[in-house]
Amino acid sequence: DIPVIFMTGLSDAKQIVSGFGAGGVDYITKPFQVEEVLARINTHLA
């Protein structure tokens, strides 16, 4: 039941689809902004 957000240095669409297929709820592309990380974390915690 624990939500998983993937962190990746790639923005390949197939990789993103694979992440959702594996059970992830979201993804963050590296390098990332702290504000983006916080926003996605707060959204999925809510």
All heavy atoms as atom14 arrays in JSON, in Angstrom:
{
  "sequence": "DIPVIFMTGLSDAKQIVSGFGAGGVDYITKPFQVEEVLARINTHLA",
  "atom14_mask": [
    [1, 1, 1, 1, 1, 1, 1, 1, 0, 0, 0, 0, 0, 0],
    [1, 1, 1, 1, 1, 1, 1, 1, 0, 0, 0, 0, 0, 0],
    [1, 1, 1, 1, 1, 1, 1, 0, 0, 0, 0, 0, 0, 0],
    [1, 1, 1, 1, 1, 1, 1, 0, 0, 0, 0, 0, 0, 0],
    [1, 1, 1, 1, 1, 1, 1, 1, 0, 0, 0, 0, 0, 0],
    [1, 1, 1, 1, 1, 1, 1, 1, 1, 1, 1, 0, 0, 0],
    [1, 1, 1, 1, 1, 1, 1, 1, 0, 0, 0, 0, 0, 0],
    [1, 1, 1, 1, 1, 1, 1, 0, 0, 0, 0, 0, 0, 0],
    [1, 1, 1, 1, 0, 0, 0, 0, 0, 0, 0, 0, 0, 0],
    [1, 1, 1, 1, 1, 1, 1, 1, 0, 0, 0, 0, 0, 0],
    [1, 1, 1, 1, 1, 1, 0, 0, 0, 0, 0, 0, 0, 0],
    [1, 1, 1, 1, 1, 1, 1, 1, 0, 0, 0, 0, 0, 0],
    [1, 1, 1, 1, 1, 0, 0, 0, 0, 0, 0, 0, 0, 0],
    [1, 1, 1, 1, 1, 1, 1, 1, 1, 0, 0, 0, 0, 0],
    [1, 1, 1, 1, 1, 1, 1, 1, 1, 0, 0, 0, 0, 0],
    [1, 1, 1, 1, 1, 1, 1, 1, 0, 0, 0, 0, 0, 0],
    [1, 1, 1, 1, 1, 1, 1, 0, 0, 0, 0, 0, 0, 0],
    [1, 1, 1, 1, 1, 1, 0, 0, 0, 0, 0, 0, 0, 0],
    [1, 1, 1, 1, 0, 0, 0, 0, 0, 0, 0, 0, 0, 0],
    [1, 1, 1, 1, 1, 1, 1, 1, 1, 1, 1, 0, 0, 0],
    [1, 1, 1, 1, 0, 0, 0, 0, 0, 0, 0, 0, 0, 0],
    [1, 1, 1, 1, 1, 0, 0, 0, 0, 0, 0, 0, 0, 0],
    [1, 1, 1, 1, 0, 0, 0, 0, 0, 0, 0, 0, 0, 0],
    [1, 1, 1, 1, 0, 0, 0, 0, 0, 0, 0, 0, 0, 0],
    [1, 1, 1, 1, 1, 1, 1, 0, 0, 0, 0, 0, 0, 0],
    [1, 1, 1, 1, 1, 1, 1, 1, 0, 0, 0, 0, 0, 0],
    [1, 1, 1, 1, 1, 1, 1, 1, 1, 1, 1, 1, 0, 0],
    [1, 1, 1, 1, 1, 1, 1, 1, 0, 0, 0, 0, 0, 0],
    [1, 1, 1, 1, 1, 1, 1, 0, 0, 0, 0, 0, 0, 0],
    [1, 1, 1, 1, 1, 1, 1, 1, 1, 0, 0, 0, 0, 0],
    [1, 1, 1, 1, 1, 1, 1, 0, 0, 0, 0, 0, 0, 0],
    [1, 1, 1, 1, 1, 1, 1, 1, 1, 1, 1, 0, 0, 0],
    [1, 1, 1, 1, 1, 1, 1, 1, 1, 0, 0, 0, 0, 0],
    [1, 1, 1, 1, 1, 1, 1, 0, 0, 0, 0, 0, 0, 0],
    [1, 1, 1, 1, 1, 1, 1, 1, 1, 0, 0, 0, 0, 0],
    [1, 1, 1, 1, 1, 1, 1, 1, 1, 0, 0, 0, 0, 0],
    [1, 1, 1, 1, 1, 1, 1, 0, 0, 0, 0, 0, 0, 0],
    [1, 1, 1, 1, 1, 1, 1, 1, 0, 0, 0, 0, 0, 0],
    [1, 1, 1, 1, 1, 0, 0, 0, 0, 0, 0, 0, 0, 0],
    [1, 1, 1, 1, 1, 1, 1, 1, 1, 1, 1, 0, 0, 0],
    [1, 1, 1, 1, 1, 1, 1, 1, 0, 0, 0, 0, 0, 0],
    [1, 1, 1, 1, 1, 1, 1, 1, 0, 0, 0, 0, 0, 0],
    [1, 1, 1, 1, 1, 1, 1, 0, 0, 0, 0, 0, 0, 0],
    [1, 1, 1, 1, 1, 1, 1, 1, 1, 1, 0, 0, 0, 0],
    [1, 1, 1, 1, 1, 1, 1, 1, 0, 0, 0, 0, 0, 0],
    [1, 1, 1, 1, 1, 0, 0, 0, 0, 0, 0, 0, 0, 0]
  ],
  "atom14_positions": [
    [[0.81, -1.23, 0.0], [0.0, 0.0, 0.0], [0.84, 1.28, 0.0], [0.28, 2.38, -0.11], [-0.92, 0.03, 1.23], [-2.09, -0.93, 1.08], [-2.47, -1.22, -0.07], [-2.61, -1.39, 2.12], [0.0, 0.0, 0.0], [0.0, 0.0, 0.0], [0.0, 0.0, 0.0], [0.0, 0.0, 0.0], [0.0, 0.0, 0.0], [0.0, 0.0, 0.0]],
    [[2.17, 1.16, 0.13], [3.02, 2.36, 0.22], [3.23, 2.93, -1.18], [3.7, 2.23, -2.08], [4.39, 2.02, 0.85], [4.2, 1.4, 2.23], [5.25, 3.28, 0.95], [5.49, 0.89, 2.86], [0.0, 0.0, 0.0], [0.0, 0.0, 0.0], [0.0, 0.0, 0.0], [0.0, 0.0, 0.0], [0.0, 0.0, 0.0], [0.0, 0.0, 0.0]],
    [[2.87, 4.19, -1.42], [3.07, 4.78, -2.76], [4.55, 4.93, -3.09], [5.36, 5.28, -2.23], [2.37, 6.14, -2.67], [2.29, 6.44, -1.2], [2.21, 5.14, -0.49], [0.0, 0.0, 0.0], [0.0, 0.0, 0.0], [0.0, 0.0, 0.0], [0.0, 0.0, 0.0], [0.0, 0.0, 0.0], [0.0, 0.0, 0.0], [0.0, 0.0, 0.0]],
    [[4.89, 4.66, -4.36], [6.28, 4.73, -4.84], [6.37, 5.77, -5.96], [5.62, 5.71, -6.93], [6.76, 3.37, -5.36], [8.16, 3.49, -5.98], [6.75, 2.34, -4.24], [0.0, 0.0, 0.0], [0.0, 0.0, 0.0], [0.0, 0.0, 0.0], [0.0, 0.0, 0.0], [0.0, 0.0, 0.0], [0.0, 0.0, 0.0], [0.0, 0.0, 0.0]],
    [[7.28, 6.73, -5.76], [7.58, 7.72, -6.8], [8.97, 7.39, -7.35], [9.95, 7.34, -6.59], [7.56, 9.15, -6.25], [6.16, 9.51, -5.73], [7.99, 10.14, -7.33], [6.06, 10.91, -5.13], [0.0, 0.0, 0.0], [0.0, 0.0, 0.0], [0.0, 0.0, 0.0], [0.0, 0.0, 0.0], [0.0, 0.0, 0.0], [0.0, 0.0, 0.0]],
    [[9.04, 7.16, -8.66], [10.33, 6.85, -9.28], [11.15, 8.12, -9.51], [10.59, 9.18, -9.83], [10.13, 6.13, -10.61], [9.71, 4.69, -10.47], [8.43, 4.27, -10.82], [10.59, 3.74, -9.96], [8.05, 2.95, -10.69], [10.22, 2.42, -9.82], [8.94, 2.02, -10.19], [0.0, 0.0, 0.0], [0.0, 0.0, 0.0], [0.0, 0.0, 0.0]],
    [[12.45, 7.97, -9.36], [13.4, 9.05, -9.71], [14.25, 8.54, -10.87], [14.82, 7.44, -10.79], [14.3, 9.39, -8.51], [13.54, 9.88, -7.29], [14.64, 10.41, -5.94], [15.41, 8.84, -5.51], [0.0, 0.0, 0.0], [0.0, 0.0, 0.0], [0.0, 0.0, 0.0], [0.0, 0.0, 0.0], [0.0, 0.0, 0.0], [0.0, 0.0, 0.0]],
    [[14.31, 9.31, -11.95], [15.03, 8.86, -13.13], [15.74, 10.02, -13.8], [15.26, 11.16, -13.78], [14.06, 8.19, -14.14], [14.76, 7.87, -15.32], [12.9, 9.12, -14.48], [0.0, 0.0, 0.0], [0.0, 0.0, 0.0], [0.0, 0.0, 0.0], [0.0, 0.0, 0.0], [0.0, 0.0, 0.0], [0.0, 0.0, 0.0], [0.0, 0.0, 0.0]],
    [[16.88, 9.7, -14.41], [17.6, 10.71, -15.18], [17.16, 10.74, -16.61], [17.64, 11.55, -17.41], [0.0, 0.0, 0.0], [0.0, 0.0, 0.0], [0.0, 0.0, 0.0], [0.0, 0.0, 0.0], [0.0, 0.0, 0.0], [0.0, 0.0, 0.0], [0.0, 0.0, 0.0], [0.0, 0.0, 0.0], [0.0, 0.0, 0.0], [0.0, 0.0, 0.0]],
    [[16.21, 9.86, -16.98], [15.71, 9.79, -18.35], [14.25, 10.21, -18.39], [13.52, 10.11, -17.41], [15.85, 8.36, -18.9], [17.26, 7.76, -18.86], [17.2, 6.29, -19.27], [18.19, 8.54, -19.78], [0.0, 0.0, 0.0], [0.0, 0.0, 0.0], [0.0, 0.0, 0.0], [0.0, 0.0, 0.0], [0.0, 0.0, 0.0], [0.0, 0.0, 0.0]],
    [[13.82, 10.68, -19.52], [12.41, 11.05, -19.69], [11.78, 10.24, -20.82], [10.87, 10.71, -21.49], [12.28, 12.56, -19.97], [13.01, 12.9, -21.14], [0.0, 0.0, 0.0], [0.0, 0.0, 0.0], [0.0, 0.0, 0.0], [0.0, 0.0, 0.0], [0.0, 0.0, 0.0], [0.0, 0.0, 0.0], [0.0, 0.0, 0.0], [0.0, 0.0, 0.0]],
    [[12.32, 9.04, -21.03], [11.81, 8.17, -22.08], [10.38, 7.71, -21.74], [10.11, 7.23, -20.64], [12.74, 6.96, -22.22], [12.25, 6.01, -23.31], [11.97, 6.47, -24.41], [12.13, 4.8, -23.03], [0.0, 0.0, 0.0], [0.0, 0.0, 0.0], [0.0, 0.0, 0.0], [0.0, 0.0, 0.0], [0.0, 0.0, 0.0], [0.0, 0.0, 0.0]],
    [[9.47, 7.84, -22.71], [8.06, 7.51, -22.47], [7.88, 6.04, -22.12], [7.08, 5.7, -21.25], [7.22, 7.87, -23.69], [0.0, 0.0, 0.0], [0.0, 0.0, 0.0], [0.0, 0.0, 0.0], [0.0, 0.0, 0.0], [0.0, 0.0, 0.0], [0.0, 0.0, 0.0], [0.0, 0.0, 0.0], [0.0, 0.0, 0.0], [0.0, 0.0, 0.0]],
    [[8.64, 5.15, -22.79], [8.5, 3.72, -22.5], [8.91, 3.41, -21.07], [8.31, 2.58, -20.4], [9.34, 2.9, -23.48], [8.82, 2.93, -24.91], [9.65, 2.04, -25.81], [9.09, 2.04, -27.24], [9.91, 1.19, -28.15], [0.0, 0.0, 0.0], [0.0, 0.0, 0.0], [0.0, 0.0, 0.0], [0.0, 0.0, 0.0], [0.0, 0.0, 0.0]],
    [[9.97, 4.1, -20.61], [10.43, 3.87, -19.24], [9.39, 4.36, -18.23], [9.14, 3.72, -17.21], [11.76, 4.59, -19.01], [12.42, 4.21, -17.7], [13.74, 4.93, -17.48], [13.77, 6.16, -17.53], [14.8, 4.18, -17.28], [0.0, 0.0, 0.0], [0.0, 0.0, 0.0], [0.0, 0.0, 0.0], [0.0, 0.0, 0.0], [0.0, 0.0, 0.0]],
    [[8.75, 5.48, -18.54], [7.71, 6.01, -17.65], [6.53, 5.04, -17.57], [6.01, 4.74, -16.5], [7.26, 7.4, -18.14], [8.41, 8.4, -17.98], [6.03, 7.86, -17.36], [8.14, 9.73, -18.64], [0.0, 0.0, 0.0], [0.0, 0.0, 0.0], [0.0, 0.0, 0.0], [0.0, 0.0, 0.0], [0.0, 0.0, 0.0], [0.0, 0.0, 0.0]],
    [[6.13, 4.5, -18.75], [5.03, 3.52, -18.78], [5.41, 2.27, -17.98], [4.6, 1.72, -17.24], [4.67, 3.16, -20.23], [3.69, 1.99, -20.26], [4.08, 4.37, -20.95], [0.0, 0.0, 0.0], [0.0, 0.0, 0.0], [0.0, 0.0, 0.0], [0.0, 0.0, 0.0], [0.0, 0.0, 0.0], [0.0, 0.0, 0.0], [0.0, 0.0, 0.0]],
    [[6.66, 1.83, -18.11], [7.13, 0.67, -17.36], [7.05, 0.93, -15.87], [6.72, 0.03, -15.08], [8.56, 0.32, -17.76], [8.64, -0.03, -19.12], [0.0, 0.0, 0.0], [0.0, 0.0, 0.0], [0.0, 0.0, 0.0], [0.0, 0.0, 0.0], [0.0, 0.0, 0.0], [0.0, 0.0, 0.0], [0.0, 0.0, 0.0], [0.0, 0.0, 0.0]],
    [[7.36, 2.15, -15.45], [7.28, 2.5, -14.04], [5.88, 2.4, -13.49], [5.65, 1.84, -12.41], [0.0, 0.0, 0.0], [0.0, 0.0, 0.0], [0.0, 0.0, 0.0], [0.0, 0.0, 0.0], [0.0, 0.0, 0.0], [0.0, 0.0, 0.0], [0.0, 0.0, 0.0], [0.0, 0.0, 0.0], [0.0, 0.0, 0.0], [0.0, 0.0, 0.0]],
    [[4.9, 2.91, -14.26], [3.5, 2.79, -13.83], [3.06, 1.33, -13.82], [2.3, 0.9, -12.94], [2.59, 3.63, -14.72], [2.74, 5.11, -14.51], [2.99, 5.96, -15.58], [2.65, 5.66, -13.25], [3.13, 7.33, -15.39], [2.78, 7.03, -13.05], [3.03, 7.86, -14.12], [0.0, 0.0, 0.0], [0.0, 0.0, 0.0], [0.0, 0.0, 0.0]],
    [[3.54, 0.57, -14.79], [3.2, -0.85, -14.84], [3.75, -1.63, -13.67], [3.17, -2.63, -13.24], [0.0, 0.0, 0.0], [0.0, 0.0, 0.0], [0.0, 0.0, 0.0], [0.0, 0.0, 0.0], [0.0, 0.0, 0.0], [0.0, 0.0, 0.0], [0.0, 0.0, 0.0], [0.0, 0.0, 0.0], [0.0, 0.0, 0.0], [0.0, 0.0, 0.0]],
    [[4.9, -1.19, -13.16], [5.51, -1.87, -12.01], [4.83, -1.52, -10.7], [5.07, -2.16, -9.68], [6.99, -1.51, -11.93], [0.0, 0.0, 0.0], [0.0, 0.0, 0.0], [0.0, 0.0, 0.0], [0.0, 0.0, 0.0], [0.0, 0.0, 0.0], [0.0, 0.0, 0.0], [0.0, 0.0, 0.0], [0.0, 0.0, 0.0], [0.0, 0.0, 0.0]],
    [[3.97, -0.5, -10.7], [3.24, -0.14, -9.49], [3.53, 1.24, -8.97], [3.03, 1.63, -7.91], [0.0, 0.0, 0.0], [0.0, 0.0, 0.0], [0.0, 0.0, 0.0], [0.0, 0.0, 0.0], [0.0, 0.0, 0.0], [0.0, 0.0, 0.0], [0.0, 0.0, 0.0], [0.0, 0.0, 0.0], [0.0, 0.0, 0.0], [0.0, 0.0, 0.0]],
    [[4.35, 2.03, -9.69], [4.63, 3.39, -9.25], [3.43, 4.3, -9.44], [2.57, 4.04, -10.28], [0.0, 0.0, 0.0], [0.0, 0.0, 0.0], [0.0, 0.0, 0.0], [0.0, 0.0, 0.0], [0.0, 0.0, 0.0], [0.0, 0.0, 0.0], [0.0, 0.0, 0.0], [0.0, 0.0, 0.0], [0.0, 0.0, 0.0], [0.0, 0.0, 0.0]],
    [[3.39, 5.36, -8.64], [2.27, 6.3, -8.74], [2.68, 7.6, -9.43], [1.82, 8.38, -9.83], [1.69, 6.62, -7.35], [1.11, 5.37, -6.71], [2.74, 7.26, -6.44], [0.0, 0.0, 0.0], [0.0, 0.0, 0.0], [0.0, 0.0, 0.0], [0.0, 0.0, 0.0], [0.0, 0.0, 0.0], [0.0, 0.0, 0.0], [0.0, 0.0, 0.0]],
    [[4.0, 7.83, -9.56], [4.47, 9.08, -10.16], [5.96, 8.93, -10.46], [6.58, 7.92, -10.12], [4.23, 10.25, -9.2], [4.05, 11.58, -9.94], [4.42, 11.65, -11.12], [3.55, 12.52, -9.3], [0.0, 0.0, 0.0], [0.0, 0.0, 0.0], [0.0, 0.0, 0.0], [0.0, 0.0, 0.0], [0.0, 0.0, 0.0], [0.0, 0.0, 0.0]],
    [[6.53, 9.95, -11.12], [7.96, 9.94, -11.38], [8.51, 11.36, -11.34], [7.78, 12.33, -11.55], [8.26, 9.29, -12.74], [7.87, 10.14, -13.91], [8.82, 10.96, -14.55], [6.56, 10.15, -14.38], [8.46, 11.76, -15.62], [6.19, 10.96, -15.44], [7.15, 11.75, -16.07], [6.78, 12.55, -17.12], [0.0, 0.0, 0.0], [0.0, 0.0, 0.0]],
    [[9.81, 11.47, -11.02], [10.5, 12.75, -11.0], [11.75, 12.61, -11.87], [12.48, 11.63, -11.74], [10.92, 13.14, -9.56], [9.69, 13.23, -8.65], [11.66, 14.47, -9.56], [10.05, 13.39, -7.18], [0.0, 0.0, 0.0], [0.0, 0.0, 0.0], [0.0, 0.0, 0.0], [0.0, 0.0, 0.0], [0.0, 0.0, 0.0], [0.0, 0.0, 0.0]],
    [[11.94, 13.57, -12.75], [13.11, 13.51, -13.63], [14.27, 14.29, -13.03], [14.12, 15.43, -12.59], [12.76, 14.12, -15.02], [11.64, 13.4, -15.56], [13.94, 13.99, -15.96], [0.0, 0.0, 0.0], [0.0, 0.0, 0.0], [0.0, 0.0, 0.0], [0.0, 0.0, 0.0], [0.0, 0.0, 0.0], [0.0, 0.0, 0.0], [0.0, 0.0, 0.0]],
    [[15.44, 13.63, -12.98], [16.65, 14.28, -12.49], [17.26, 15.13, -13.61], [17.19, 14.73, -14.79], [17.68, 13.24, -12.05], [17.22, 12.3, -10.95], [18.33, 11.26, -10.69], [17.91, 10.24, -9.67], [18.95, 9.2, -9.46], [0.0, 0.0, 0.0], [0.0, 0.0, 0.0], [0.0, 0.0, 0.0], [0.0, 0.0, 0.0], [0.0, 0.0, 0.0]],
    [[17.94, 16.23, -13.28], [17.95, 16.88, -11.96], [16.61, 17.55, -11.69], [15.92, 17.97, -12.61], [19.06, 17.92, -12.1], [19.08, 18.25, -13.55], [18.72, 16.99, -14.29], [0.0, 0.0, 0.0], [0.0, 0.0, 0.0], [0.0, 0.0, 0.0], [0.0, 0.0, 0.0], [0.0, 0.0, 0.0], [0.0, 0.0, 0.0], [0.0, 0.0, 0.0]],
    [[16.2, 17.6, -10.44], [14.88, 18.11, -10.12], [14.97, 19.28, -9.16], [15.98, 19.48, -8.48], [14.01, 17.01, -9.51], [14.72, 16.17, -8.48], [15.03, 16.66, -7.22], [15.1, 14.87, -8.8], [15.68, 15.9, -6.3], [15.76, 14.09, -7.85], [16.05, 14.61, -6.6], [0.0, 0.0, 0.0], [0.0, 0.0, 0.0], [0.0, 0.0, 0.0]],
    [[13.91, 20.04, -9.14], [13.78, 21.16, -8.21], [13.16, 20.66, -6.91], [12.27, 19.81, -6.91], [12.89, 22.26, -8.81], [13.44, 22.86, -10.09], [14.72, 23.64, -9.83], [14.84, 24.33, -8.81], [15.68, 23.54, -10.76], [0.0, 0.0, 0.0], [0.0, 0.0, 0.0], [0.0, 0.0, 0.0], [0.0, 0.0, 0.0], [0.0, 0.0, 0.0]],
    [[13.64, 21.18, -5.8], [13.13, 20.76, -4.5], [11.63, 21.02, -4.41], [10.86, 20.21, -3.85], [13.87, 21.49, -3.36], [13.23, 21.15, -2.01], [15.33, 21.11, -3.37], [0.0, 0.0, 0.0], [0.0, 0.0, 0.0], [0.0, 0.0, 0.0], [0.0, 0.0, 0.0], [0.0, 0.0, 0.0], [0.0, 0.0, 0.0], [0.0, 0.0, 0.0]],
    [[11.17, 22.15, -4.95], [9.75, 22.48, -4.89], [8.91, 21.43, -5.61], [7.81, 21.09, -5.17], [9.5, 23.86, -5.52], [10.05, 25.02, -4.73], [11.56, 25.17, -4.88], [12.14, 24.49, -5.77], [12.17, 25.93, -4.11], [0.0, 0.0, 0.0], [0.0, 0.0, 0.0], [0.0, 0.0, 0.0], [0.0, 0.0, 0.0], [0.0, 0.0, 0.0]],
    [[9.43, 20.91, -6.73], [8.69, 19.87, -7.46], [8.6, 18.6, -6.63], [7.54, 17.98, -6.54], [9.39, 19.58, -8.79], [8.68, 18.47, -9.58], [9.49, 18.01, -10.79], [10.63, 18.47, -10.96], [8.96, 17.17, -11.54], [0.0, 0.0, 0.0], [0.0, 0.0, 0.0], [0.0, 0.0, 0.0], [0.0, 0.0, 0.0], [0.0, 0.0, 0.0]],
    [[9.73, 18.22, -6.01], [9.74, 17.03, -5.17], [8.73, 17.17, -4.03], [7.94, 16.26, -3.76], [11.15, 16.77, -4.62], [11.13, 15.58, -3.66], [12.14, 16.53, -5.75], [0.0, 0.0, 0.0], [0.0, 0.0, 0.0], [0.0, 0.0, 0.0], [0.0, 0.0, 0.0], [0.0, 0.0, 0.0], [0.0, 0.0, 0.0], [0.0, 0.0, 0.0]],
    [[8.75, 18.31, -3.37], [7.83, 18.54, -2.25], [6.38, 18.5, -2.71], [5.5, 17.95, -2.03], [8.15, 19.88, -1.58], [9.48, 19.94, -0.81], [9.75, 21.38, -0.36], [9.45, 19.01, 0.4], [0.0, 0.0, 0.0], [0.0, 0.0, 0.0], [0.0, 0.0, 0.0], [0.0, 0.0, 0.0], [0.0, 0.0, 0.0], [0.0, 0.0, 0.0]],
    [[6.11, 19.12, -3.86], [4.74, 19.16, -4.37], [4.22, 17.75, -4.65], [3.08, 17.4, -4.3], [4.67, 20.02, -5.62], [0.0, 0.0, 0.0], [0.0, 0.0, 0.0], [0.0, 0.0, 0.0], [0.0, 0.0, 0.0], [0.0, 0.0, 0.0], [0.0, 0.0, 0.0], [0.0, 0.0, 0.0], [0.0, 0.0, 0.0], [0.0, 0.0, 0.0]],
    [[5.06, 16.92, -5.28], [4.62, 15.56, -5.61], [4.47, 14.71, -4.35], [3.53, 13.92, -4.22], [5.61, 14.92, -6.59], [5.59, 15.58, -7.98], [6.56, 14.91, -8.93], [6.64, 15.62, -10.2], [5.86, 15.39, -11.25], [4.91, 14.48, -11.17], [6.01, 16.08, -12.37], [0.0, 0.0, 0.0], [0.0, 0.0, 0.0], [0.0, 0.0, 0.0]],
    [[5.39, 14.88, -3.41], [5.29, 14.14, -2.15], [4.01, 14.51, -1.42], [3.25, 13.63, -0.98], [6.53, 14.42, -1.27], [7.75, 13.72, -1.83], [6.27, 13.97, 0.17], [9.04, 14.03, -1.07], [0.0, 0.0, 0.0], [0.0, 0.0, 0.0], [0.0, 0.0, 0.0], [0.0, 0.0, 0.0], [0.0, 0.0, 0.0], [0.0, 0.0, 0.0]],
    [[3.73, 15.79, -1.28], [2.54, 16.23, -0.55], [1.26, 15.76, -1.24], [0.27, 15.39, -0.58], [2.54, 17.75, -0.4], [3.55, 18.22, 0.62], [3.78, 17.55, 1.63], [4.19, 19.37, 0.38], [0.0, 0.0, 0.0], [0.0, 0.0, 0.0], [0.0, 0.0, 0.0], [0.0, 0.0, 0.0], [0.0, 0.0, 0.0], [0.0, 0.0, 0.0]],
    [[1.28, 15.78, -2.59], [0.09, 15.33, -3.33], [-0.21, 13.87, -3.03], [-1.36, 13.49, -2.72], [0.3, 15.51, -4.84], [0.4, 16.9, -5.13], [-0.87, 14.91, -5.63], [0.0, 0.0, 0.0], [0.0, 0.0, 0.0], [0.0, 0.0, 0.0], [0.0, 0.0, 0.0], [0.0, 0.0, 0.0], [0.0, 0.0, 0.0], [0.0, 0.0, 0.0]],
    [[0.8, 13.01, -3.07], [0.56, 11.58, -2.89], [0.36, 11.21, -1.42], [-0.35, 10.24, -1.13], [1.7, 10.78, -3.51], [1.69, 10.85, -5.01], [0.74, 10.2, -5.77], [2.47, 11.53, -5.89], [0.96, 10.45, -7.06], [2.0, 11.26, -7.15], [0.0, 0.0, 0.0], [0.0, 0.0, 0.0], [0.0, 0.0, 0.0], [0.0, 0.0, 0.0]],
    [[0.92, 11.98, -0.52], [0.6, 11.77, 0.89], [-0.86, 12.1, 1.17], [-1.54, 11.41, 1.92], [1.52, 12.62, 1.78], [2.98, 12.17, 1.89], [3.77, 13.17, 2.75], [3.1, 10.76, 2.46], [0.0, 0.0, 0.0], [0.0, 0.0, 0.0], [0.0, 0.0, 0.0], [0.0, 0.0, 0.0], [0.0, 0.0, 0.0], [0.0, 0.0, 0.0]],
    [[-1.33, 13.19, 0.55], [-2.74, 13.56, 0.72], [-3.66, 12.51, 0.11], [-4.71, 12.16, 0.69], [-3.0, 14.93, 0.08], [0.0, 0.0, 0.0], [0.0, 0.0, 0.0], [0.0, 0.0, 0.0], [0.0, 0.0, 0.0], [0.0, 0.0, 0.0], [0.0, 0.0, 0.0], [0.0, 0.0, 0.0], [0.0, 0.0, 0.0], [0.0, 0.0, 0.0]]
  ]
}
